């Protein structure tokens, strides 16, 4: 095959497969070991699956859904569909049957790839309500047998027999930058999901922007660990399409639950994550340090003091000199290197945090011990990256300067406006909604509020739809306050309440592992989490934690009352989106009674 014109990600993949051939493209775990798949093997499967889609009369513009956790077959399905001009529609693997039905129906998908038996069963049970759905292709060996179902291996075999290579090449060549590549449905924090249409040009430009701004820092020797959902735009671009462009290798984590084990097995050089991982690791390290022996605790305290002083050097890529250089070498040898090795992060060149706010405390912990965490910003509608800190200039609390070719401005209301080649085509079947999010001069209204400093670095200060306006007329962003609360090792989740109220309150989900351990150490016995959170000493513990968090805020922004909850918020229980963002309207409706109890009527 000759070199393809790189006007799409599939064309980039074909060129890289031709360049790297038998080198490892991806690693996937089977049993207890990771197995490699070469670029050439992946290329063959992409073309065979594309042949199957062509044989099933899938045409340019047709929608193809993917309802699966991360696995190499997800990549194959995506690249095969996009290569022939089809539009793929990712569905979060954690979505309910009803959420999947909405996306399949709204997108009018003709075919759906499924990840395992649970996903297959959900889609199969929906078949009578989805008249446009003609085929289900499970990646696993299905227990169900039906004419609608074509197992992945059989689909590859059918595609190989179809001998449609000329049609495949023609389809690849016909792709245009403006053609729609995917429809990604937003999480729906404030209403029904909207389908974001991203073009081949959107993805390609975002990848090229990152490659330009990180020139010399990314290459084929790099190794990624993939665990953010591929349905998430950040993983799609930065954890899938970017490594393809780099010629790098990607290993698939088994799940978020096994991430620590997989990090130690893979020892990646680049990590792309949401803040949750960094929060968990930081909390875990502090918890272990607290329970260490006196000598180890003293060493850790000494090292953490060194880490604070190290921030100036690591954030500005400055070389350590003199006595501090010696002090850092000692701290690294005794503590930091062992910590990084235990985390599987000893080879990390840098880690990226996006998809939500990373607290300054979490960022500074990693930076201080020599793990370069770069916070960035973007939205599904921007493919998604618009901003990111650079390794030679890191400002904790900021999402850094914009990517090259990205225009940013703040309007009179404080809203961040973005214009650039990575900005979406629009919302699928939503002409009015599309028009509403663009200014007359073509800037996208992000819905986020922020400020830009003299170095052109952006700091996110809130989200317009989430701003709380108290009865006294104060406008307050709950996100920053919630992030501060979660710095406490005893607080897992928090939702600040206060709309049209005289003061702020909070619903708090304790970090139960930490709380149970603390309770045991002070002699508190509880039969359940429900009884534990009612204990007077536990209540006083949280009063102290909240008072400490309040210290950094003006009186109107301080939490005056709180309620502890006995159960964690999850997507399954309705409070979180698939990307772990808080559905505030759900929380406020579900816990309306408890909220009202924090605002007793005045006598």
Foldseek 3Di string as FASTA:
>chain_A
DDQADPLFLLSLLVNLCVVFPQDFAEWEDDDHDIDTDGSVNLVLLLQLLLLLCVVVVNAAAAEEEEQAFDDSVVVSVLSNCVLQNYAYEYDYNPDDLVLVLVSCQLSLHQEYEYEDAVRVVSVVVCPVVRVNHQAYEYADDYPDDDPRYDYSVNSSVNSVVSPCVVSSVVSNNPFHQARFHYWQWDLALPHGTFTFTFGSLLLVVVLVLVCVQCPPPAAQAFEEEDAQGCSFLCCVRVVPSNCSNRNHYYYYDPYPVCLQVVLLVRLGQEYEEAQLVLLVLVLVVVVVLVVDDPVSVVLVVQLVVLLLVCLVCFQQVHDDDDPSNVSLVVSCVVPLVVSCNSSSHNNYPAYEHEPAAHALVSCSSCSSSPHHYKYFYFDVQQSTGFFIRDRNHHDRQWRHAGGPQKDWDADPVQWIWIDGSNGTPATPPCPPRRVVQADPVGTGGPQWGWDADPRRIIHTQAGNVQWAQALVGDTHHQRVLQNLLSSDSQFDGKDWDGHNHPAIAMETETPVVVQVVVCVVVVHDDPALVRSCVDPVNVVVSVVSQVVSQVVDDRRHGHDYYHYDRDDDDVVVPQAGSSRDGSVVCVCVVCVVVVVVVPDDDD
